[in-house]
Protein backbone atom coordinates (compact mmCIF):
# COMPACT_ATOMS: atom_id res chain seq x y z
CA UNK A 1 -11.34 34.71 11.99
CA UNK A 2 -13.70 32.71 14.20
CA UNK A 3 -14.22 28.94 14.00
CA UNK A 4 -17.37 27.34 15.45
CA UNK A 5 -18.47 23.70 15.17
CA UNK A 6 -22.09 22.59 15.23
CA UNK A 7 -23.22 18.95 15.32
CA UNK A 8 -26.59 17.45 14.39
CA UNK A 9 -28.14 14.14 13.41
CA UNK A 10 -29.07 13.62 9.76
CA UNK A 11 -31.02 10.72 8.20
CA UNK A 12 -27.87 8.91 7.07
CA UNK A 13 -25.55 9.67 9.98
CA UNK A 14 -24.02 12.62 11.82
CA UNK A 15 -23.25 16.05 10.40
CA UNK A 16 -20.59 18.35 11.80
CA UNK A 17 -20.56 21.87 10.37
CA UNK A 18 -17.55 24.16 10.66
CA UNK A 19 -18.64 27.78 10.58
CA UNK A 20 -15.94 30.30 9.65
CA UNK A 21 -16.95 33.82 10.55
CA UNK A 22 -15.40 37.32 10.47
CA UNK A 23 -13.24 36.41 7.46
CA UNK A 24 -11.28 39.27 5.94
CA UNK A 25 -12.83 40.62 2.74
CA UNK A 26 -15.16 37.68 2.06
CA UNK A 27 -18.45 36.10 3.08
CA UNK A 28 -18.88 33.56 5.85
CA UNK A 29 -18.07 29.93 5.00
CA UNK A 30 -19.77 26.72 6.14
CA UNK A 31 -17.97 23.40 5.75
CA UNK A 32 -19.85 20.18 6.39
CA UNK A 33 -18.59 16.73 7.36
CA UNK A 34 -21.16 13.94 7.16
CA UNK A 35 -20.10 10.79 9.02
CA UNK A 36 -22.30 8.37 7.08
CA UNK A 37 -23.83 5.50 8.99
CA UNK A 38 -22.28 6.76 12.21
CA UNK A 39 -23.83 8.12 15.39
CA UNK A 40 -20.91 10.12 16.75
CA UNK A 41 -20.48 11.89 20.07
CA UNK A 42 -19.64 15.57 20.26
CA UNK A 43 -15.90 15.88 19.47
CA UNK A 44 -13.73 16.09 22.59
CA UNK A 45 -11.33 18.47 20.81
CA UNK A 46 -11.48 20.49 17.58
CA UNK A 47 -7.93 19.69 16.46
CA UNK A 48 -8.88 18.25 13.08
CA UNK A 49 -11.02 21.18 12.03
CA UNK A 50 -8.14 23.58 12.66
CA UNK A 51 -5.83 21.36 10.59
CA UNK A 52 -8.44 21.42 7.84
CA UNK A 53 -8.41 25.22 7.40
CA UNK A 54 -4.89 26.17 8.54
CA UNK A 55 -3.65 27.00 5.03
CA UNK A 56 -6.67 29.25 4.47
CA UNK A 57 -5.96 31.20 7.64
CA UNK A 58 -2.21 31.44 6.93
CA UNK A 59 -2.86 32.73 3.42
CA UNK A 60 -5.26 35.39 4.73
CA UNK A 61 -2.80 36.18 7.54
CA UNK A 62 -5.67 36.04 10.05
CA UNK A 63 -5.39 34.69 13.57
CA UNK A 64 -7.85 31.88 14.21
CA UNK A 65 -10.07 32.04 17.29
CA UNK A 66 -11.41 28.55 18.00
CA UNK A 67 -14.68 28.47 19.93
CA UNK A 68 -14.07 25.17 21.67
CA UNK A 69 -11.20 23.04 23.00
CA UNK A 70 -7.91 22.12 21.29
CA UNK A 71 -5.45 19.57 22.61
CA UNK A 72 -2.06 20.76 23.78
CA UNK A 73 -0.23 18.48 21.34
CA UNK A 74 -2.17 19.89 18.40
CA UNK A 75 -1.38 23.44 19.46
CA UNK A 76 2.34 22.69 19.74
CA UNK A 77 2.34 20.81 16.43
CA UNK A 78 0.53 23.60 14.62
CA UNK A 79 3.28 26.00 15.64
CA UNK A 80 5.95 23.79 14.05
CA UNK A 81 3.78 22.99 11.03
CA UNK A 82 3.29 26.66 10.26
CA UNK A 83 6.99 27.45 10.63
CA UNK A 84 7.85 24.83 8.01
CA UNK A 85 5.34 26.06 5.44
CA UNK A 86 6.15 29.73 6.00
CA UNK A 87 9.80 28.94 5.26
CA UNK A 88 8.84 26.97 2.16
CA UNK A 89 6.40 29.54 0.78
CA UNK A 90 6.89 32.91 2.52
CA UNK A 91 5.34 34.77 -0.40
CA UNK A 92 2.01 33.00 0.21
CA UNK A 93 1.78 32.05 3.90
CA UNK A 94 2.31 33.87 7.17
CA UNK A 95 2.35 32.37 10.65
CA UNK A 96 -0.81 33.07 12.63
CA UNK A 97 -1.98 32.61 16.21
CA UNK A 98 -4.37 29.83 17.20
CA UNK A 99 -6.58 31.08 20.04
CA UNK A 100 -8.76 28.31 21.53
CA UNK A 101 -11.32 28.71 24.28
CA UNK A 102 -9.68 25.86 26.15
CA UNK A 103 -6.50 23.74 25.96
CA UNK A 104 -6.78 20.08 26.94
CA UNK A 105 -3.60 18.27 27.92
CA UNK A 106 -4.89 14.70 27.88
CA UNK A 107 -7.66 13.02 25.88
CA UNK A 108 -8.52 9.60 27.38
CA UNK A 109 -7.30 6.79 25.11
CA UNK A 110 -8.01 3.61 27.08
CA UNK A 111 -10.86 2.53 24.78
CA UNK A 112 -9.20 3.74 21.55
CA UNK A 113 -6.34 1.39 20.75
CA UNK A 114 -7.12 0.72 17.08
CA UNK A 115 -5.91 2.40 13.89
CA UNK A 116 -7.90 3.65 10.91
CA UNK A 117 -6.31 4.16 7.50
CA UNK A 118 -7.15 6.64 4.76
CA UNK A 119 -8.27 4.67 1.71
CA UNK A 120 -8.72 5.75 -1.89
CA UNK A 121 -8.03 2.49 -3.71
CA UNK A 122 -4.66 3.85 -4.87
CA UNK A 123 -1.26 2.19 -4.69
CA UNK A 124 -0.13 3.98 -1.53
CA UNK A 125 -3.27 3.22 0.48
CA UNK A 126 -3.49 -0.43 -0.64
CA UNK A 127 0.16 -1.01 0.21
CA UNK A 128 -0.42 0.49 3.66
CA UNK A 129 -3.48 -1.57 4.52
CA UNK A 130 -1.86 -4.78 3.26
CA UNK A 131 1.21 -4.47 5.40
CA UNK A 132 -0.50 -3.39 8.60
CA UNK A 133 -3.68 -5.46 8.44
CA UNK A 134 -1.74 -8.63 7.61
CA UNK A 135 0.95 -7.74 10.15
CA UNK A 136 3.81 -8.06 7.68
CA UNK A 137 5.80 -5.86 10.06
CA UNK A 138 5.17 -8.12 13.03
CA UNK A 139 5.07 -6.17 16.29
CA UNK A 140 5.82 -2.95 14.35
CA UNK A 141 2.45 -3.14 12.57
CA UNK A 142 -0.26 -0.69 13.62
CA UNK A 143 -3.49 -2.35 14.82
CA UNK A 144 -5.43 -1.84 11.57
CA UNK A 145 -8.12 -4.43 12.22
CA UNK A 146 -11.46 -2.65 11.97
CA UNK A 147 -11.90 0.02 9.34
CA UNK A 148 -10.58 2.30 6.60
CA UNK A 149 -11.95 5.69 5.55
CA UNK A 150 -12.89 6.95 2.11
CA UNK A 151 -13.72 10.64 1.52
CA UNK A 152 -16.61 11.54 -0.76
CA UNK A 153 -15.75 14.97 -2.11
CA UNK A 154 -12.05 14.43 -2.78
CA UNK A 155 -11.25 12.04 -5.65
CA UNK A 156 -14.96 11.47 -6.26
CA UNK A 157 -16.99 14.66 -6.67
CA UNK A 158 -20.01 15.31 -4.47
CA UNK A 159 -22.28 15.37 -7.53
CA UNK A 160 -21.21 11.86 -8.56
CA UNK A 161 -22.51 9.53 -5.83
CA UNK A 162 -22.97 6.71 -8.34
CA UNK A 163 -19.22 6.77 -9.04
CA UNK A 164 -18.53 6.49 -5.33
CA UNK A 165 -20.74 3.41 -5.14
CA UNK A 166 -18.93 1.92 -8.13
CA UNK A 167 -15.57 2.58 -6.46
CA UNK A 168 -16.80 0.92 -3.28
CA UNK A 169 -17.91 -2.11 -5.28
CA UNK A 170 -14.52 -2.25 -6.99
CA UNK A 171 -12.60 -2.30 -3.70
CA UNK A 172 -15.06 -4.38 -1.66
CA UNK A 173 -13.49 -7.81 -2.46
CA UNK A 174 -10.13 -6.63 -1.08
CA UNK A 175 -11.63 -5.08 2.05
CA UNK A 176 -13.74 -8.19 2.62
CA UNK A 177 -10.61 -10.32 2.27
CA UNK A 178 -8.93 -8.22 4.95
CA UNK A 179 -12.08 -8.05 7.10
CA UNK A 180 -12.09 -4.23 7.03
CA UNK A 181 -15.18 -2.02 7.13
CA UNK A 182 -15.27 0.93 4.73
CA UNK A 183 -16.35 4.10 6.53
CA UNK A 184 -17.38 7.16 4.51
CA UNK A 185 -17.19 10.85 5.27
CA UNK A 186 -18.90 13.25 2.86
CA UNK A 187 -17.56 16.79 2.81
CA UNK A 188 -17.46 20.00 0.77
CA UNK A 189 -14.04 20.93 2.20
CA UNK A 190 -12.23 20.54 -1.13
CA UNK A 191 -15.12 21.70 -3.29
CA UNK A 192 -15.33 25.18 -1.75
CA UNK A 193 -11.74 25.78 -2.90
CA UNK A 194 -10.42 27.77 0.04
CA UNK A 195 -6.89 26.35 -0.24
CA UNK A 196 -4.29 25.28 -2.76
CA UNK A 197 -4.91 21.52 -3.09
CA UNK A 198 -1.27 20.58 -3.76
CA UNK A 199 -0.23 22.29 -0.51
CA UNK A 200 -3.17 21.32 1.66
CA UNK A 201 -4.47 17.92 0.60
CA UNK A 202 -2.94 16.11 3.57
CA UNK A 203 -4.16 18.65 6.11
CA UNK A 204 -7.64 18.34 4.60
CA UNK A 205 -7.43 14.53 4.75
CA UNK A 206 -6.21 14.73 8.35
CA UNK A 207 -9.28 16.83 9.14
CA UNK A 208 -11.54 14.07 7.85
CA UNK A 209 -9.67 11.37 9.78
CA UNK A 210 -9.80 13.33 13.05
CA UNK A 211 -13.60 13.15 12.83
CA UNK A 212 -13.20 9.53 13.94
CA UNK A 213 -10.92 10.18 16.91
CA UNK A 214 -13.71 9.01 19.21
CA UNK A 215 -13.10 5.43 17.95
CA UNK A 216 -9.48 5.35 16.75
CA UNK A 217 -6.20 6.39 18.29
CA UNK A 218 -4.06 6.25 15.14
CA UNK A 219 -4.73 7.46 11.60
CA UNK A 220 -2.46 5.94 8.94
CA UNK A 221 -1.87 7.67 5.60
CA UNK A 222 0.16 6.18 2.77
CA UNK A 223 3.26 8.15 1.79
CA UNK A 224 3.51 9.91 -1.56
CA UNK A 225 7.28 10.01 -2.08
CA UNK A 226 10.08 7.83 -0.68
CA UNK A 227 12.68 9.36 1.63
CA UNK A 228 15.40 9.42 -1.04
CA UNK A 229 13.42 11.44 -3.62
CA UNK A 230 11.38 13.86 -1.52
CA UNK A 231 9.96 16.82 -3.43
CA UNK A 232 9.50 19.73 -1.04
CA UNK A 233 7.30 21.60 -0.55
CA UNK A 234 4.53 19.09 -1.19
CA UNK A 235 1.20 18.61 0.56
CA UNK A 236 2.16 15.22 2.01
CA UNK A 237 5.65 14.56 3.30
CA UNK A 238 7.33 12.89 6.31
CA UNK A 239 8.66 16.25 7.54
CA UNK A 240 5.26 17.73 8.41
CA UNK A 241 2.51 15.08 8.13
CA UNK A 242 3.09 13.80 11.65
CA UNK A 243 2.49 17.34 12.93
CA UNK A 244 -1.16 16.95 11.95
CA UNK A 245 -1.60 15.06 15.22
CA UNK A 246 -3.12 15.91 18.57
CA UNK A 247 -3.76 14.23 21.90
CA UNK A 248 -6.94 12.73 20.49
CA UNK A 249 -5.47 11.12 17.36
CA UNK A 250 -1.95 10.57 16.04
CA UNK A 251 -1.36 10.82 12.29
CA UNK A 252 1.12 8.27 10.89
CA UNK A 253 2.92 8.89 7.59
CA UNK A 254 3.48 5.34 6.33
CA UNK A 255 5.62 3.68 3.68
CA UNK A 256 8.20 6.32 2.77
CA UNK A 257 10.89 3.66 2.98
CA UNK A 258 9.60 2.25 -0.31
CA UNK A 259 9.44 3.56 -3.86
CA UNK A 260 6.11 3.33 -5.63
CA UNK A 261 7.43 0.49 -7.77
CA UNK A 262 8.45 -1.43 -4.65
CA UNK A 263 4.94 -0.91 -3.29
CA UNK A 264 3.47 -2.26 -6.52
CA UNK A 265 5.75 -5.29 -6.22
CA UNK A 266 4.04 -6.09 -2.90
CA UNK A 267 0.56 -5.49 -4.32
CA UNK A 268 1.36 -7.75 -7.30
CA UNK A 269 1.58 -10.74 -4.95
CA UNK A 270 -2.18 -10.46 -4.28
CA UNK A 271 -4.56 -10.78 -7.26
CA UNK A 272 -7.48 -9.24 -5.37
CA UNK A 273 -5.34 -6.24 -4.44
CA UNK A 274 -4.24 -5.78 -8.07
CA UNK A 275 -7.84 -5.81 -9.26
CA UNK A 276 -8.80 -3.15 -6.71
CA UNK A 277 -6.13 -0.58 -7.63
CA UNK A 278 -7.69 2.70 -8.78
CA UNK A 279 -5.26 5.57 -9.35
CA UNK A 280 -6.89 7.77 -12.00
CA UNK A 281 -8.16 11.22 -11.06
CA UNK A 282 -8.34 12.81 -14.53
CA UNK A 283 -10.73 10.41 -16.26
CA UNK A 284 -14.48 10.98 -16.54
CA UNK A 285 -15.34 8.07 -14.24
CA UNK A 286 -13.68 8.28 -10.81
CA UNK A 287 -14.31 4.56 -10.23
CA UNK A 288 -12.13 3.46 -13.18
CA UNK A 289 -8.63 3.92 -14.57
CA UNK A 290 -8.68 5.72 -17.92
CA UNK A 291 -5.30 4.20 -18.85
CA UNK A 292 -4.10 7.32 -20.65
CA UNK A 293 -3.45 10.06 -18.06
CA UNK A 294 -0.04 10.62 -16.48
CA UNK A 295 -0.84 8.70 -13.30
CA UNK A 296 -2.36 5.74 -15.18
CA UNK A 297 0.67 5.51 -17.47
CA UNK A 298 3.03 5.80 -14.52
CA UNK A 299 1.23 3.05 -12.62
CA UNK A 300 1.34 0.74 -15.63
CA UNK A 301 5.08 1.38 -15.79
CA UNK A 302 5.31 0.40 -12.11
CA UNK A 303 3.65 -2.91 -12.95
CA UNK A 304 5.83 -3.48 -16.02
CA UNK A 305 8.93 -2.94 -13.88
CA UNK A 306 7.86 -5.76 -11.53
CA UNK A 307 7.03 -8.13 -14.40
CA UNK A 308 3.25 -7.63 -14.70
CA UNK A 309 2.50 -6.71 -18.31
CA UNK A 310 -1.30 -6.78 -18.02
CA UNK A 311 -2.42 -5.69 -14.55
CA UNK A 312 -6.11 -6.49 -14.07
CA UNK A 313 -6.89 -2.98 -12.79
CA UNK A 314 -6.51 -1.64 -16.36
CA UNK A 315 -8.80 -2.48 -19.26
CA UNK A 316 -6.03 -2.83 -21.85
CA UNK A 317 -2.23 -3.09 -22.05
CA UNK A 318 -0.15 0.08 -22.07
CA UNK A 319 0.29 1.72 -25.47
CA UNK A 320 4.09 2.37 -25.55
CA UNK A 321 3.62 5.60 -27.51
CA UNK A 322 1.84 7.12 -24.52
CA UNK A 323 5.15 7.02 -22.61
CA UNK A 324 6.67 9.60 -24.95
CA UNK A 325 3.70 11.95 -24.46
CA UNK A 326 3.56 11.91 -20.66
CA UNK A 327 2.91 15.36 -19.21
CA UNK A 328 4.47 16.16 -15.82
CA UNK A 329 2.67 18.83 -13.80
CA UNK A 330 5.33 19.05 -11.09
CA UNK A 331 8.66 17.63 -9.93
CA UNK A 332 6.94 15.10 -7.67
CA UNK A 333 5.41 13.39 -10.70
CA UNK A 334 8.71 13.47 -12.58
CA UNK A 335 10.59 12.01 -9.61
CA UNK A 336 8.17 9.08 -9.53
CA UNK A 337 8.75 8.30 -13.21
CA UNK A 338 12.51 8.69 -12.84
CA UNK A 339 12.41 6.19 -9.96
CA UNK A 340 10.73 3.62 -12.25
CA UNK A 341 13.60 3.98 -14.71
CA UNK A 342 16.16 3.63 -11.90
CA UNK A 343 14.39 0.46 -10.71
CA UNK A 344 14.47 -0.98 -14.25
CA UNK A 345 18.18 -0.18 -14.53
CA UNK A 346 18.96 -1.94 -11.26
CA UNK A 347 16.98 -4.99 -12.37
CA UNK A 348 18.67 -5.06 -15.79
CA UNK A 349 15.41 -4.67 -17.73
CA UNK A 350 16.13 -3.99 -21.43
CA UNK A 351 12.65 -3.84 -22.92
CA UNK A 352 11.52 -1.15 -25.36
CA UNK A 353 9.41 0.65 -22.77
CA UNK A 354 12.58 1.36 -20.74
CA UNK A 355 14.20 3.03 -23.76
CA UNK A 356 11.11 5.13 -24.40
CA UNK A 357 11.02 6.12 -20.75
CA UNK A 358 14.67 7.15 -20.85
CA UNK A 359 13.96 9.41 -23.84
CA UNK A 360 11.03 11.06 -22.04
CA UNK A 361 13.12 11.63 -18.92
CA UNK A 362 15.97 13.16 -20.93
CA UNK A 363 13.53 15.46 -22.73
CA UNK A 364 12.15 16.70 -19.39
CA UNK A 365 15.62 17.36 -18.03
CA UNK A 366 16.80 19.00 -21.25
CA UNK A 367 13.75 20.56 -22.92
CA UNK A 368 14.10 21.79 -26.51
CA UNK A 369 15.40 25.34 -26.61
CA UNK A 370 16.89 25.25 -23.11
CA UNK A 371 20.47 25.53 -24.36
CA UNK A 372 19.50 28.28 -26.77
CA UNK A 373 17.80 30.26 -24.00
CA UNK A 374 20.89 30.00 -21.82
CA UNK A 375 23.30 30.89 -24.62
CA UNK A 376 21.44 33.89 -26.09
CA UNK A 377 22.07 36.40 -23.24
CA UNK A 378 25.73 35.34 -23.11
CA UNK A 379 26.17 36.04 -26.82
CA UNK A 380 24.34 39.37 -26.52
CA UNK A 381 26.65 40.42 -23.72
CA UNK A 382 29.71 39.39 -25.70
CA UNK A 383 28.73 41.34 -28.82
CA UNK A 384 27.73 44.38 -26.72
CA UNK A 385 31.19 44.39 -25.11
CA UNK A 386 32.70 44.50 -28.58
CA UNK A 387 30.49 47.40 -29.64
CA UNK A 388 28.71 45.26 -32.19
């Protein structure tokens, strides 16, 4: 498979187009990245674009010939990154070769000392920008002083620009408070559906962030799971996220030392931050929280656990009956909910919502019919041995 990158000016910024050619058993693919409001130079290295399609190439088992330069660090990291995912999912992915036209050992960084953070308005990204922009970590804070990046085409669909504007308006008071500019990249990378989203969402996000390596040295992404409840394999994790780095930009996986409830506890100290929180991805309007999907319910539980019964980011209080009907799509979601219950236990919270949550957790761990399914083959074997 061949990867080419073309750059051109468009009325509202700069467009970079990734052209994938000679793909096994399918038509050519064009992926666009519009850096809105930005006049960008030609990228010094193509690291990010390789990160953005690596799962596609591994699934097709096709070596990737890159028509342009890649940094040495990115090439080394891609080797390790692939080895991890091939071990996790050998039935889907196979390690491939990355064949660039040129390998660059050093990308000048003297004028790129700042950090940019991925921003969606969610708990993880708000927690990250609060603690680095306000230097809560002191000298250990990354220099997040200029900008954050939102991706149009991920949580907000390309055909819903009005929802993107509403989301920007929702989060603007917080970003203004922190003196951060909101940069926007518009892309069809997710929409074309080349890759499993749950495996590849961080590599796709890293691709978008690397588009700004001409201005920023570090790219900070909020962690999904804390270190003590990691669910592997998962698209974002501290074991492989940092490997989505090159000489031009270093990706930082941030905040895995905190549970989601502990992050919400920090957010709850800032009213503007609480109002900005937007976690919902299943509702009809991507700029609002529906209040009824799994992630909305889970986030409301996070707030309840830290003593906030009516967080301003939701239109109405949590209906307790929704707790019993929560639907978990994967173990990562279940682990998050289980961590809320553990937090409530440690804090000695005895409210009704904790009891309902315990019942839902027990039902997930011991689904109806599980014992019967385990016992039936044992009984069949027993009776067969007796000739019955």
